[in-house]
Amino acid sequence: MDWKSAIIGFKAYLVLERSLSENSIDAYLRDVRKLVEYLELTEKEIGPLALGRIELEAFIKYIYDLGLGDRTQARMLSGIRAFYRYLLVENLLDEDPTELFEGPKLKRKIPDVLTYDEITTMLEAIDLSTDQGHRNRAMLETLYACGLRVSELTELKLSNFFSDEEYIKVVGKGNKERIVPMGRAAIKQNTYYLENYRNQLPIKPGYEDHFYLNRRGRSLSRVMVFMLIKALAARVGIQKNVSPHTFRHSFATHLVEGGADLRAVQDMLGHRSITTTEIYTHIDTRYLRTTIMECHPRNRKQVL
């Protein structure tokens, strides 16, 4: 049995025997397809009946490394379990590889993930009556729109901002460059910041190409961004442990929940493969832009 026929049978099982809602069925099928995407990404030609616990553990570790939230990971694992229960019911398997499956032992706690409404609340709470407010709005829009690390944000260069093409070039870990599309809401805020605030600053020598600057014309520190976000979250009453990295995790979680391809999310985050070799190639910029525009909530809702 191949994956295509297994997924068709699984859908029929969910409809006829489980009588689930259309949304629940779509969620279960999406979770199984993410597993198939992972196998294709890691070049593992394993059918659904041959897949074992080792490969499933590797998949769970993979989605953890993508930075998805706890609930998203748990939901995806639930979908995989339901798929293998179906294979058992149909007597296609003798043993369930997900039985007693707890996932990998994770050494670090995944930061909280903000909902789209919480992120919107934080963005709209920024005081735009001040010049620094427009800079802060532009920075937070960029964190969420592009899934940047805080160091990538503070080191973003003016020469790597391409507003007409709607993307930025990011220098990540190990000085590796990647192209990340930027949505319209972020483009708008950043363009306003450049045209109405940054060009009025007394820029210090050596900082001419730094994108985000403080009032003295120097680059911002990571601590400054951290404190800004902490204060903003407290102001709007969000009780979660919010940091710049929370925006990165929210970016990844919301894209995957919106149906984004795992490979595109991995490439936009600048993550290496969990395997010993790098198993993905650079993706065409137009494909990444399509993923951002179709799957990122601030673009689906057409927020300008």
C-alpha atoms as a PDB file:
ATOM      1  CA  MET A   1       0.000   0.000   0.000  1.00  0.00           C
ATOM      2  CA  ASP A   2       1.326   3.444  -0.931  1.00  0.00           C
ATOM      3  CA  TRP A   3       0.672   6.702   0.904  1.00  0.00           C
ATOM      4  CA  LYS A   4      -1.872   7.990  -1.603  1.00  0.00           C
ATOM      5  CA  SER A   5      -4.180   4.991  -1.302  1.00  0.00           C
ATOM      6  CA  ALA A   6      -3.680   4.860   2.473  1.00  0.00           C
ATOM      7  CA  ILE A   7      -4.743   8.498   2.857  1.00  0.00           C
ATOM      8  CA  ILE A   8      -7.808   7.943   0.639  1.00  0.00           C
ATOM      9  CA  GLY A   9      -8.827   4.985   2.810  1.00  0.00           C
ATOM     10  CA  PHE A  10      -8.142   6.963   5.985  1.00  0.00           C
ATOM     11  CA  LYS A  11     -10.435   9.756   4.806  1.00  0.00           C
ATOM     12  CA  ALA A  12     -13.229   7.285   4.093  1.00  0.00           C
ATOM     13  CA  TYR A  13     -12.748   5.797   7.571  1.00  0.00           C
ATOM     14  CA  LEU A  14     -12.997   9.230   9.205  1.00  0.00           C
ATOM     15  CA  VAL A  15     -16.150  10.053   7.271  1.00  0.00           C
ATOM     16  CA  LEU A  16     -18.018   6.749   7.482  1.00  0.00           C
ATOM     17  CA  GLU A  17     -16.882   5.214  10.765  1.00  0.00           C
ATOM     18  CA  ARG A  18     -15.786   8.160  12.866  1.00  0.00           C
ATOM     19  CA  SER A  19     -18.403  10.609  11.486  1.00  0.00           C
ATOM     20  CA  LEU A  20     -16.098  13.536  12.102  1.00  0.00           C
ATOM     21  CA  SER A  21     -16.711  17.098  10.978  1.00  0.00           C
ATOM     22  CA  GLU A  22     -15.168  18.371   7.775  1.00  0.00           C
ATOM     23  CA  ASN A  23     -12.714  20.558   9.701  1.00  0.00           C
ATOM     24  CA  SER A  24     -11.568  17.641  11.867  1.00  0.00           C
ATOM     25  CA  ILE A  25     -11.111  15.419   8.821  1.00  0.00           C
ATOM     26  CA  ASP A  26      -9.067  18.094   7.071  1.00  0.00           C
ATOM     27  CA  ALA A  27      -6.886  18.470  10.171  1.00  0.00           C
ATOM     28  CA  TYR A  28      -6.214  14.722  10.425  1.00  0.00           C
ATOM     29  CA  LEU A  29      -5.386  14.450   6.736  1.00  0.00           C
ATOM     30  CA  ARG A  30      -3.116  17.482   6.928  1.00  0.00           C
ATOM     31  CA  ASP A  31      -1.183  15.908   9.799  1.00  0.00           C
ATOM     32  CA  VAL A  32      -0.594  12.701   7.846  1.00  0.00           C
ATOM     33  CA  ARG A  33       0.482  14.672   4.781  1.00  0.00           C
ATOM     34  CA  LYS A  34       3.031  16.517   6.914  1.00  0.00           C
ATOM     35  CA  LEU A  35       4.514  13.134   7.780  1.00  0.00           C
ATOM     36  CA  VAL A  36       4.674  12.264   4.080  1.00  0.00           C
ATOM     37  CA  GLU A  37       6.334  15.628   3.340  1.00  0.00           C
ATOM     38  CA  TYR A  38       8.942  14.875   5.988  1.00  0.00           C
ATOM     39  CA  LEU A  39       9.720  11.481   4.458  1.00  0.00           C
ATOM     40  CA  GLU A  40      10.107  13.062   1.025  1.00  0.00           C
ATOM     41  CA  LEU A  41      12.255  15.827   2.482  1.00  0.00           C
ATOM     42  CA  THR A  42      14.601  13.325   4.126  1.00  0.00           C
ATOM     43  CA  GLU A  43      14.560  11.079   1.049  1.00  0.00           C
ATOM     44  CA  LYS A  44      13.154   8.112   2.954  1.00  0.00           C
ATOM     45  CA  GLU A  45      11.158   5.890   0.623  1.00  0.00           C
ATOM     46  CA  ILE A  46       9.104   4.138   3.290  1.00  0.00           C
ATOM     47  CA  GLY A  47       5.460   3.169   2.856  1.00  0.00           C
ATOM     48  CA  PRO A  48       2.846   3.555   5.596  1.00  0.00           C
ATOM     49  CA  LEU A  49       2.936  -0.139   6.511  1.00  0.00           C
ATOM     50  CA  ALA A  50       6.728  -0.223   6.828  1.00  0.00           C
ATOM     51  CA  LEU A  51       7.117   2.971   8.837  1.00  0.00           C
ATOM     52  CA  GLY A  52       8.340   2.251  12.356  1.00  0.00           C
ATOM     53  CA  ARG A  53       8.775   3.918  15.706  1.00  0.00           C
ATOM     54  CA  ILE A  54      12.266   5.206  14.907  1.00  0.00           C
ATOM     55  CA  GLU A  55      11.063   7.162  11.881  1.00  0.00           C
ATOM     56  CA  LEU A  56       8.074   8.518  13.793  1.00  0.00           C
ATOM     57  CA  GLU A  57      10.293   9.712  16.626  1.00  0.00           C
ATOM     58  CA  ALA A  58      12.513  11.438  14.064  1.00  0.00           C
ATOM     59  CA  PHE A  59       9.448  13.172  12.609  1.00  0.00           C
ATOM     60  CA  ILE A  60       8.317  14.434  16.022  1.00  0.00           C
ATOM     61  CA  LYS A  61      11.842  15.699  16.692  1.00  0.00           C
ATOM     62  CA  TYR A  62      11.754  17.421  13.308  1.00  0.00           C
ATOM     63  CA  ILE A  63       8.556  19.365  13.996  1.00  0.00           C
ATOM     64  CA  TYR A  64       9.945  20.264  17.423  1.00  0.00           C
ATOM     65  CA  ASP A  65      13.060  21.713  15.779  1.00  0.00           C
ATOM     66  CA  LEU A  66      10.822  23.798  13.531  1.00  0.00           C
ATOM     67  CA  GLY A  67       9.726  25.614  16.686  1.00  0.00           C
ATOM     68  CA  LEU A  68       6.064  24.620  16.673  1.00  0.00           C
ATOM     69  CA  GLY A  69       4.031  25.133  19.835  1.00  0.00           C
ATOM     70  CA  ASP A  70       3.197  22.359  22.289  1.00  0.00           C
ATOM     71  CA  ARG A  71      -0.442  22.168  21.237  1.00  0.00           C
ATOM     72  CA  THR A  72       0.426  22.035  17.554  1.00  0.00           C
ATOM     73  CA  GLN A  73       2.861  19.184  18.146  1.00  0.00           C
ATOM     74  CA  ALA A  74       0.310  17.313  20.261  1.00  0.00           C
ATOM     75  CA  ARG A  75      -2.376  17.751  17.619  1.00  0.00           C
ATOM     76  CA  MET A  76      -0.125  16.483  14.846  1.00  0.00           C
ATOM     77  CA  LEU A  77       0.804  13.435  16.923  1.00  0.00           C
ATOM     78  CA  SER A  78      -2.910  12.814  17.547  1.00  0.00           C
ATOM     79  CA  GLY A  79      -3.531  12.807  13.809  1.00  0.00           C
ATOM     80  CA  ILE A  80      -0.734  10.284  13.221  1.00  0.00           C
ATOM     81  CA  ARG A  81      -2.120   8.049  15.983  1.00  0.00           C
ATOM     82  CA  ALA A  82      -5.583   8.140  14.401  1.00  0.00           C
ATOM     83  CA  PHE A  83      -4.076   7.120  11.061  1.00  0.00           C
ATOM     84  CA  TYR A  84      -2.403   4.057  12.552  1.00  0.00           C
ATOM     85  CA  ARG A  85      -5.553   3.122  14.439  1.00  0.00           C
ATOM     86  CA  TYR A  86      -7.270   3.060  11.057  1.00  0.00           C
ATOM     87  CA  LEU A  87      -4.604   0.714   9.654  1.00  0.00           C
ATOM     88  CA  LEU A  88      -5.135  -1.610  12.634  1.00  0.00           C
ATOM     89  CA  VAL A  89      -8.915  -1.581  12.228  1.00  0.00           C
ATOM     90  CA  GLU A  90      -8.491  -2.550   8.580  1.00  0.00           C
ATOM     91  CA  ASN A  91      -6.135  -5.381   9.600  1.00  0.00           C
ATOM     92  CA  LEU A  92      -3.369  -3.857   7.527  1.00  0.00           C
ATOM     93  CA  LEU A  93      -1.030  -3.843  10.523  1.00  0.00           C
ATOM     94  CA  ASP A  94      -0.513  -6.210  13.426  1.00  0.00           C
ATOM     95  CA  GLU A  95       1.133  -3.672  15.729  1.00  0.00           C
ATOM     96  CA  ASP A  96       0.665   0.039  16.275  1.00  0.00           C
ATOM     97  CA  PRO A  97       4.029   1.896  16.050  1.00  0.00           C
ATOM     98  CA  THR A  98       2.498   4.829  17.954  1.00  0.00           C
ATOM     99  CA  GLU A  99       1.460   2.709  20.960  1.00  0.00           C
ATOM    100  CA  LEU A 100       2.801   4.232  24.181  1.00  0.00           C
ATOM    101  CA  PHE A 101       4.402   6.881  22.004  1.00  0.00           C
ATOM    102  CA  GLU A 102       5.479   9.880  24.091  1.00  0.00           C
ATOM    103  CA  GLY A 103       7.720  11.615  21.615  1.00  0.00           C
ATOM    104  CA  PRO A 104      11.366  12.531  22.213  1.00  0.00           C
ATOM    105  CA  LYS A 105      12.614  13.710  25.592  1.00  0.00           C
ATOM    106  CA  LEU A 106      13.095  17.415  25.050  1.00  0.00           C
ATOM    107  CA  LYS A 107      15.750  19.178  27.067  1.00  0.00           C
ATOM    108  CA  ARG A 108      14.491  22.696  26.537  1.00  0.00           C
ATOM    109  CA  LYS A 109      11.036  24.112  27.059  1.00  0.00           C
ATOM    110  CA  ILE A 110       9.328  25.442  23.952  1.00  0.00           C
ATOM    111  CA  PRO A 111       8.436  29.115  24.462  1.00  0.00           C
ATOM    112  CA  ASP A 112       4.801  30.106  24.548  1.00  0.00           C
ATOM    113  CA  VAL A 113       3.109  30.719  21.215  1.00  0.00           C
ATOM    114  CA  LEU A 114       0.929  33.779  20.768  1.00  0.00           C
ATOM    115  CA  THR A 115      -2.401  33.580  19.007  1.00  0.00           C
ATOM    116  CA  TYR A 116      -2.990  35.789  16.001  1.00  0.00           C
ATOM    117  CA  ASP A 117      -5.343  37.959  18.079  1.00  0.00           C
ATOM    118  CA  GLU A 118      -2.704  38.382  20.793  1.00  0.00           C
ATOM    119  CA  ILE A 119      -0.115  39.460  18.257  1.00  0.00           C
ATOM    120  CA  THR A 120      -2.586  41.885  16.690  1.00  0.00           C
ATOM    121  CA  THR A 121      -3.369  43.313  20.138  1.00  0.00           C
ATOM    122  CA  MET A 122       0.328  43.907  20.806  1.00  0.00           C
ATOM    123  CA  LEU A 123       0.889  45.528  17.413  1.00  0.00           C
ATOM    124  CA  GLU A 124      -2.092  47.828  17.769  1.00  0.00           C
ATOM    125  CA  ALA A 125      -1.050  48.854  21.299  1.00  0.00           C
ATOM    126  CA  ILE A 126       2.153  50.498  20.059  1.00  0.00           C
ATOM    127  CA  ASP A 127       1.961  54.284  20.366  1.00  0.00           C
ATOM    128  CA  LEU A 128       2.313  55.610  16.823  1.00  0.00           C
ATOM    129  CA  SER A 129       2.239  59.242  17.941  1.00  0.00           C
ATOM    130  CA  THR A 130       5.999  58.995  18.469  1.00  0.00           C
ATOM    131  CA  ASP A 131       8.720  58.391  15.903  1.00  0.00           C
ATOM    132  CA  GLN A 132      10.069  55.473  17.924  1.00  0.00           C
ATOM    133  CA  GLY A 133       6.595  53.960  17.902  1.00  0.00           C
ATOM    134  CA  HIS A 134       6.729  53.617  14.125  1.00  0.00           C
ATOM    135  CA  ARG A 135      10.144  51.979  14.399  1.00  0.00           C
ATOM    136  CA  ASN A 136       8.865  49.565  17.035  1.00  0.00           C
ATOM    137  CA  ARG A 137       5.793  48.704  14.970  1.00  0.00           C
ATOM    138  CA  ALA A 138       8.001  48.037  11.954  1.00  0.00           C
ATOM    139  CA  MET A 139      10.299  45.784  13.987  1.00  0.00           C
ATOM    140  CA  LEU A 140       7.516  43.682  15.482  1.00  0.00           C
ATOM    141  CA  GLU A 141       5.748  43.392  12.142  1.00  0.00           C
ATOM    142  CA  THR A 142       9.036  42.100  10.705  1.00  0.00           C
ATOM    143  CA  LEU A 143       9.605  39.617  13.533  1.00  0.00           C
ATOM    144  CA  TYR A 144       6.190  38.086  12.970  1.00  0.00           C
ATOM    145  CA  ALA A 145       6.064  38.426   9.183  1.00  0.00           C
ATOM    146  CA  CYS A 146       9.481  36.852   8.590  1.00  0.00           C
ATOM    147  CA  GLY A 147      10.164  34.658  11.639  1.00  0.00           C
ATOM    148  CA  LEU A 148      13.540  36.261  12.342  1.00  0.00           C
ATOM    149  CA  ARG A 149      15.847  35.588  15.260  1.00  0.00           C
ATOM    150  CA  VAL A 150      16.358  38.729  17.328  1.00  0.00           C
ATOM    151  CA  SER A 151      20.010  38.916  16.254  1.00  0.00           C
ATOM    152  CA  GLU A 152      18.906  38.734  12.613  1.00  0.00           C
ATOM    153  CA  LEU A 153      16.512  41.623  13.259  1.00  0.00           C
ATOM    154  CA  THR A 154      19.073  43.888  14.905  1.00  0.00           C
ATOM    155  CA  GLU A 155      21.662  43.112  12.205  1.00  0.00           C
ATOM    156  CA  LEU A 156      19.251  43.559   9.282  1.00  0.00           C
ATOM    157  CA  LYS A 157      20.807  45.785   6.622  1.00  0.00           C
ATOM    158  CA  LEU A 158      19.137  48.521   4.638  1.00  0.00           C
ATOM    159  CA  SER A 159      20.783  47.176   1.486  1.00  0.00           C
ATOM    160  CA  ASN A 160      19.045  43.824   2.068  1.00  0.00           C
ATOM    161  CA  PHE A 161      15.513  45.288   2.082  1.00  0.00           C
ATOM    162  CA  PHE A 162      13.784  44.951  -1.274  1.00  0.00           C
ATOM    163  CA  SER A 163      10.358  46.524  -0.882  1.00  0.00           C
ATOM    164  CA  ASP A 164       9.368  46.362  -4.543  1.00  0.00           C
ATOM    165  CA  GLU A 165      10.147  42.645  -4.704  1.00  0.00           C
ATOM    166  CA  GLU A 166       8.630  42.141  -1.202  1.00  0.00           C
ATOM    167  CA  TYR A 167      11.464  40.233   0.411  1.00  0.00           C
ATOM    168  CA  ILE A 168      14.494  40.695   2.648  1.00  0.00           C
ATOM    169  CA  LYS A 169      17.872  38.979   2.648  1.00  0.00           C
ATOM    170  CA  VAL A 170      18.778  37.677   6.088  1.00  0.00           C
ATOM    171  CA  VAL A 171      22.199  36.701   7.408  1.00  0.00           C
ATOM    172  CA  GLY A 172      21.653  33.904   9.905  1.00  0.00           C
ATOM    173  CA  LYS A 173      23.806  31.538  11.937  1.00  0.00           C
ATOM    174  CA  GLY A 174      27.176  30.762  10.418  1.00  0.00           C
ATOM    175  CA  ASN A 175      26.808  33.828   8.156  1.00  0.00           C
ATOM    176  CA  LYS A 176      24.447  31.869   5.935  1.00  0.00           C
ATOM    177  CA  GLU A 177      22.180  34.024   3.812  1.00  0.00           C
ATOM    178  CA  ARG A 178      18.559  33.260   3.043  1.00  0.00           C
ATOM    179  CA  ILE A 179      15.719  35.015   1.248  1.00  0.00           C
ATOM    180  CA  VAL A 180      12.514  35.590   3.222  1.00  0.00           C
ATOM    181  CA  PRO A 181       9.365  37.115   1.682  1.00  0.00           C
ATOM    182  CA  MET A 182       7.793  39.998   3.566  1.00  0.00           C
ATOM    183  CA  GLY A 183       4.038  40.561   3.601  1.00  0.00           C
ATOM    184  CA  ARG A 184       2.275  43.791   2.738  1.00  0.00           C
ATOM    185  CA  ALA A 185       1.546  44.854   6.325  1.00  0.00           C
ATOM    186  CA  ALA A 186       5.235  44.654   7.229  1.00  0.00           C
ATOM    187  CA  ILE A 187       6.318  46.323   3.969  1.00  0.00           C
ATOM    188  CA  LYS A 188       3.976  49.237   4.697  1.00  0.00           C
ATOM    189  CA  GLN A 189       5.222  49.764   8.270  1.00  0.00           C
ATOM    190  CA  ASN A 190       8.880  49.474   7.344  1.00  0.00           C
ATOM    191  CA  THR A 191       8.560  51.846   4.393  1.00  0.00           C
ATOM    192  CA  TYR A 192       6.894  54.439   6.615  1.00  0.00           C
ATOM    193  CA  TYR A 193       9.656  54.046   9.204  1.00  0.00           C
ATOM    194  CA  LEU A 194      12.363  54.558   6.580  1.00  0.00           C
ATOM    195  CA  GLU A 195      10.735  57.541   4.902  1.00  0.00           C
ATOM    196  CA  ASN A 196       9.499  59.384   7.980  1.00  0.00           C
ATOM    197  CA  TYR A 197      11.830  58.493  10.844  1.00  0.00           C
ATOM    198  CA  ARG A 198      15.109  56.849   9.935  1.00  0.00           C
ATOM    199  CA  ASN A 199      16.030  59.463   7.341  1.00  0.00           C
ATOM    200  CA  GLN A 200      15.763  62.167  10.045  1.00  0.00           C
ATOM    201  CA  LEU A 201      18.262  60.532  12.411  1.00  0.00           C
ATOM    202  CA  PRO A 202      21.868  61.689  12.902  1.00  0.00           C
ATOM    203  CA  ILE A 203      23.352  58.366  11.822  1.00  0.00           C
ATOM    204  CA  LYS A 204      26.736  57.561  13.351  1.00  0.00           C
ATOM    205  CA  PRO A 205      29.610  56.428  11.125  1.00  0.00           C
ATOM    206  CA  GLY A 206      29.574  52.664  10.672  1.00  0.00           C
ATOM    207  CA  TYR A 207      25.807  52.374  11.071  1.00  0.00           C
ATOM    208  CA  GLU A 208      24.702  53.763   7.708  1.00  0.00           C
ATOM    209  CA  ASP A 209      23.491  50.358   6.500  1.00  0.00           C
ATOM    210  CA  HIS A 210      21.833  49.200   9.728  1.00  0.00           C
ATOM    211  CA  PHE A 211      18.073  49.077   9.245  1.00  0.00           C
ATOM    212  CA  TYR A 212      16.749  49.703  12.773  1.00  0.00           C
ATOM    213  CA  LEU A 213      18.443  52.497  14.709  1.00  0.00           C
ATOM    214  CA  ASN A 214      18.045  54.078  18.123  1.00  0.00           C
ATOM    215  CA  ARG A 215      17.545  57.791  18.615  1.00  0.00           C
ATOM    216  CA  ARG A 216      21.330  58.328  18.670  1.00  0.00           C
ATOM    217  CA  GLY A 217      21.751  56.799  15.231  1.00  0.00           C
ATOM    218  CA  ARG A 218      23.250  53.488  16.355  1.00  0.00           C
ATOM    219  CA  SER A 219      21.987  49.931  15.992  1.00  0.00           C
ATOM    220  CA  LEU A 220      19.629  48.486  18.572  1.00  0.00           C
ATOM    221  CA  SER A 221      20.797  45.793  20.966  1.00  0.00           C
ATOM    222  CA  ARG A 222      19.035  42.479  21.434  1.00  0.00           C
ATOM    223  CA  VAL A 223      18.331  43.445  25.046  1.00  0.00           C
ATOM    224  CA  MET A 224      16.524  46.593  23.917  1.00  0.00           C
ATOM    225  CA  VAL A 225      14.236  44.567  21.660  1.00  0.00           C
ATOM    226  CA  PHE A 226      13.658  42.035  24.442  1.00  0.00           C
ATOM    227  CA  MET A 227      12.683  44.743  26.947  1.00  0.00           C
ATOM    228  CA  LEU A 228      10.415  46.448  24.427  1.00  0.00           C
ATOM    229  CA  ILE A 229       8.433  43.273  23.800  1.00  0.00           C
ATOM    230  CA  LYS A 230       8.260  42.378  27.500  1.00  0.00           C
ATOM    231  CA  ALA A 231       6.883  45.811  28.364  1.00  0.00           C
ATOM    232  CA  LEU A 232       4.369  45.731  25.522  1.00  0.00           C
ATOM    233  CA  ALA A 233       3.068  42.275  26.501  1.00  0.00           C
ATOM    234  CA  ALA A 234       2.640  43.428  30.106  1.00  0.00           C
ATOM    235  CA  ARG A 235       0.823  46.574  28.981  1.00  0.00           C
ATOM    236  CA  VAL A 236      -1.844  44.633  27.087  1.00  0.00           C
ATOM    237  CA  GLY A 237      -2.222  42.027  29.833  1.00  0.00           C
ATOM    238  CA  ILE A 238      -0.709  38.976  28.143  1.00  0.00           C
ATOM    239  CA  GLN A 239       0.353  36.558  30.890  1.00  0.00           C
ATOM    240  CA  LYS A 240       2.534  34.331  28.704  1.00  0.00           C
ATOM    241  CA  ASN A 241       6.312  34.439  28.799  1.00  0.00           C
ATOM    242  CA  VAL A 242       6.761  36.607  25.702  1.00  0.00           C
ATOM    243  CA  SER A 243      10.108  37.338  24.074  1.00  0.00           C
ATOM    244  CA  PRO A 244      11.347  38.104  20.540  1.00  0.00           C
ATOM    245  CA  HIS A 245      11.682  34.354  19.979  1.00  0.00           C
ATOM    246  CA  THR A 246       7.973  33.965  20.765  1.00  0.00           C
ATOM    247  CA  PHE A 247       7.235  35.823  17.541  1.00  0.00           C
ATOM    248  CA  ARG A 248       9.471  33.402  15.637  1.00  0.00           C
ATOM    249  CA  HIS A 249       7.697  30.374  17.127  1.00  0.00           C
ATOM    250  CA  SER A 250       4.320  31.965  16.410  1.00  0.00           C
ATOM    251  CA  PHE A 251       5.366  32.589  12.803  1.00  0.00           C
ATOM    252  CA  ALA A 252       6.251  28.906  12.308  1.00  0.00           C
ATOM    253  CA  THR A 253       3.204  27.589  14.156  1.00  0.00           C
ATOM    254  CA  HIS A 254       0.713  29.786  12.314  1.00  0.00           C
ATOM    255  CA  LEU A 255       2.171  28.942   8.910  1.00  0.00           C
ATOM    256  CA  VAL A 256       2.046  25.191   9.542  1.00  0.00           C
ATOM    257  CA  GLU A 257      -1.463  25.412  10.964  1.00  0.00           C
ATOM    258  CA  GLY A 258      -2.442  27.375   7.863  1.00  0.00           C
ATOM    259  CA  GLY A 259      -1.256  24.536   5.647  1.00  0.00           C
ATOM    260  CA  ALA A 260       2.263  25.691   4.716  1.00  0.00           C
ATOM    261  CA  ASP A 261       4.686  23.136   3.334  1.00  0.00           C
ATOM    262  CA  LEU A 262       7.246  22.037   5.958  1.00  0.00           C
ATOM    263  CA  ARG A 263      10.119  22.526   3.549  1.00  0.00           C
ATOM    264  CA  ALA A 264       9.160  26.143   2.904  1.00  0.00           C
ATOM    265  CA  VAL A 265       8.881  26.878   6.640  1.00  0.00           C
ATOM    266  CA  GLN A 266      12.247  25.240   7.282  1.00  0.00           C
ATOM    267  CA  ASP A 267      13.888  27.295   4.553  1.00  0.00           C
ATOM    268  CA  MET A 268      12.359  30.559   5.761  1.00  0.00           C
ATOM    269  CA  LEU A 269      13.468  29.895   9.349  1.00  0.00           C
ATOM    270  CA  GLY A 270      17.002  29.095   8.227  1.00  0.00           C
ATOM    271  CA  HIS A 271      16.996  25.702   9.964  1.00  0.00           C
ATOM    272  CA  ARG A 272      19.306  22.846   9.076  1.00  0.00           C
ATOM    273  CA  SER A 273      17.919  19.367   8.559  1.00  0.00           C
ATOM    274  CA  ILE A 274      17.866  17.042  11.546  1.00  0.00           C
ATOM    275  CA  THR A 275      19.832  14.541   9.489  1.00  0.00           C
ATOM    276  CA  THR A 276      23.624  14.612   9.257  1.00  0.00           C
ATOM    277  CA  THR A 277      23.550  16.058   5.769  1.00  0.00           C
ATOM    278  CA  GLU A 278      21.728  19.068   4.439  1.00  0.00           C
ATOM    279  CA  ILE A 279      18.868  17.539   2.503  1.00  0.00           C
ATOM    280  CA  TYR A 280      17.111  20.577   1.129  1.00  0.00           C
ATOM    281  CA  THR A 281      18.046  22.993  -1.622  1.00  0.00           C
ATOM    282  CA  HIS A 282      17.238  26.661  -2.014  1.00  0.00           C
ATOM    283  CA  ILE A 283      13.619  27.250  -2.924  1.00  0.00           C
ATOM    284  CA  ASP A 284      12.526  29.613  -5.656  1.00  0.00           C
ATOM    285  CA  THR A 285      11.666  33.037  -4.219  1.00  0.00           C
ATOM    286  CA  ARG A 286       8.281  33.046  -5.964  1.00  0.00           C
ATOM    287  CA  TYR A 287       7.346  29.788  -4.193  1.00  0.00           C
ATOM    288  CA  LEU A 288       8.294  31.200  -0.785  1.00  0.00           C
ATOM    289  CA  ARG A 289       6.308  34.358  -1.464  1.00  0.00           C
ATOM    290  CA  THR A 290       3.255  32.275  -2.421  1.00  0.00           C
ATOM    291  CA  THR A 291       3.547  30.330   0.846  1.00  0.00           C
ATOM    292  CA  ILE A 292       3.736  33.535   2.903  1.00  0.00           C
ATOM    293  CA  MET A 293       0.829  35.167   1.093  1.00  0.00           C
ATOM    294  CA  GLU A 294      -1.467  32.139   1.313  1.00  0.00           C
ATOM    295  CA  CYS A 295      -0.611  30.778   4.763  1.00  0.00           C
ATOM    296  CA  HIS A 296       0.438  33.712   6.972  1.00  0.00           C
ATOM    297  CA  PRO A 297      -2.581  35.083   8.885  1.00  0.00           C
ATOM    298  CA  ARG A 298      -1.724  38.765   8.405  1.00  0.00           C
ATOM    299  CA  ASN A 299      -1.836  38.218   4.658  1.00  0.00           C
ATOM    300  CA  ARG A 300      -4.902  35.924   4.605  1.00  0.00           C
ATOM    301  CA  LYS A 301      -6.834  38.575   6.524  1.00  0.00           C
ATOM    302  CA  GLN A 302      -5.488  41.252   4.158  1.00  0.00           C
ATOM    303  CA  VAL A 303      -4.324  43.557   6.911  1.00  0.00           C
ATOM    304  CA  LEU A 304      -2.716  46.629   5.356  1.00  0.00           C
END
